Amino acid sequence: MLIDATKKNCKGVITELEKAMAELKEGDNIETIVYGVPNRMDVYAWARRKGHTIEKEQRSGANFRITVIKGPKTS
């Protein structure tokens, strides 16, 4: 699943992630594209707070593509 949140602010990004994660099962992942360092930091803080794992990140200019695994890393 991919969420393009480049046009959203922090609250919008987190809302989209919350909705998407509710539909996934433990171990599934979601990719989100966010604009700017503040939104990137919010995704990391949200994932840590919720017990999810950041698997990888790619940067392209001011955009960040972040892969989040639902739940803790198992391996």
Protein backbone atom coordinates (compact mmCIF):
# COMPACT_ATOMS: atom_id res chain seq x y z
CA MET A 1 0.00 0.00 0.00
CA LEU A 2 1.28 3.47 -0.85
CA ILE A 3 0.17 6.77 0.64
CA ASP A 4 1.22 9.93 -1.17
CA ALA A 5 1.05 12.51 1.60
CA THR A 6 3.22 15.13 -0.06
CA LYS A 7 0.35 17.62 -0.05
CA LYS A 8 -0.61 17.00 3.59
CA ASN A 9 0.58 18.52 6.83
CA CYS A 10 1.57 16.49 9.91
CA LYS A 11 -1.97 15.86 11.12
CA GLY A 12 -3.07 14.71 7.67
CA VAL A 13 -0.08 12.38 7.26
CA ILE A 14 -0.66 10.70 10.63
CA THR A 15 -4.41 10.41 10.00
CA GLU A 16 -3.76 8.64 6.69
CA LEU A 17 -1.25 6.29 8.33
CA GLU A 18 -3.64 5.47 11.18
CA LYS A 19 -6.44 4.59 8.73
CA ALA A 20 -4.17 2.45 6.57
CA MET A 21 -2.55 0.61 9.48
CA ALA A 22 -5.98 -0.29 10.88
CA GLU A 23 -6.59 -2.33 7.72
CA LEU A 24 -3.27 -4.20 7.83
CA LYS A 25 -2.25 -7.23 9.82
CA GLU A 26 0.89 -7.51 11.94
CA GLY A 27 4.01 -7.73 9.75
CA ASP A 28 2.44 -6.01 6.72
CA ASN A 29 3.99 -2.80 5.50
CA ILE A 30 2.95 0.51 4.09
CA GLU A 31 4.91 3.08 2.15
CA THR A 32 4.28 6.76 2.56
CA ILE A 33 5.76 9.70 0.72
CA VAL A 34 6.00 12.86 2.78
CA TYR A 35 7.31 16.33 2.07
CA GLY A 36 9.93 17.87 4.29
CA VAL A 37 11.95 16.99 7.35
CA PRO A 38 9.25 17.95 9.90
CA ASN A 39 6.76 15.47 8.37
CA ARG A 40 9.50 12.84 8.20
CA MET A 41 10.24 13.33 11.89
CA ASP A 42 6.53 13.06 12.70
CA VAL A 43 6.26 9.71 10.89
CA TYR A 44 9.24 8.36 12.84
CA ALA A 45 7.84 9.60 16.16
CA TRP A 46 4.39 8.18 15.37
CA ALA A 47 5.85 4.78 14.38
CA ARG A 48 7.93 4.60 17.56
CA ARG A 49 4.96 5.61 19.74
CA LYS A 50 2.68 3.00 18.10
CA GLY A 51 5.27 0.19 18.20
CA HIS A 52 5.77 -0.01 14.43
CA THR A 53 9.11 -0.45 12.66
CA ILE A 54 10.67 1.82 10.05
CA GLU A 55 12.10 -0.58 7.50
CA LYS A 56 13.70 1.83 5.04
CA GLU A 57 13.74 5.36 3.77
CA GLN A 58 14.62 6.95 0.44
CA ARG A 59 15.08 10.65 -0.10
CA SER A 60 14.42 12.50 -3.33
CA GLY A 61 14.92 16.23 -2.90
CA ALA A 62 12.57 17.37 -0.14
CA ASN A 63 10.44 14.20 -0.37
CA PHE A 64 10.94 11.11 1.77
CA ARG A 65 9.60 7.65 0.92
CA ILE A 66 9.30 5.75 4.19
CA THR A 67 8.37 2.09 4.58
CA VAL A 68 6.69 1.25 7.89
CA ILE A 69 6.06 -2.31 9.10
CA LYS A 70 3.04 -2.80 11.32
CA GLY A 71 4.35 -3.96 14.69
CA PRO A 72 7.85 -4.60 15.96
CA LYS A 73 10.63 -6.00 13.80
CA THR A 74 10.56 -9.78 14.03
CA SER A 75 13.93 -10.76 12.57
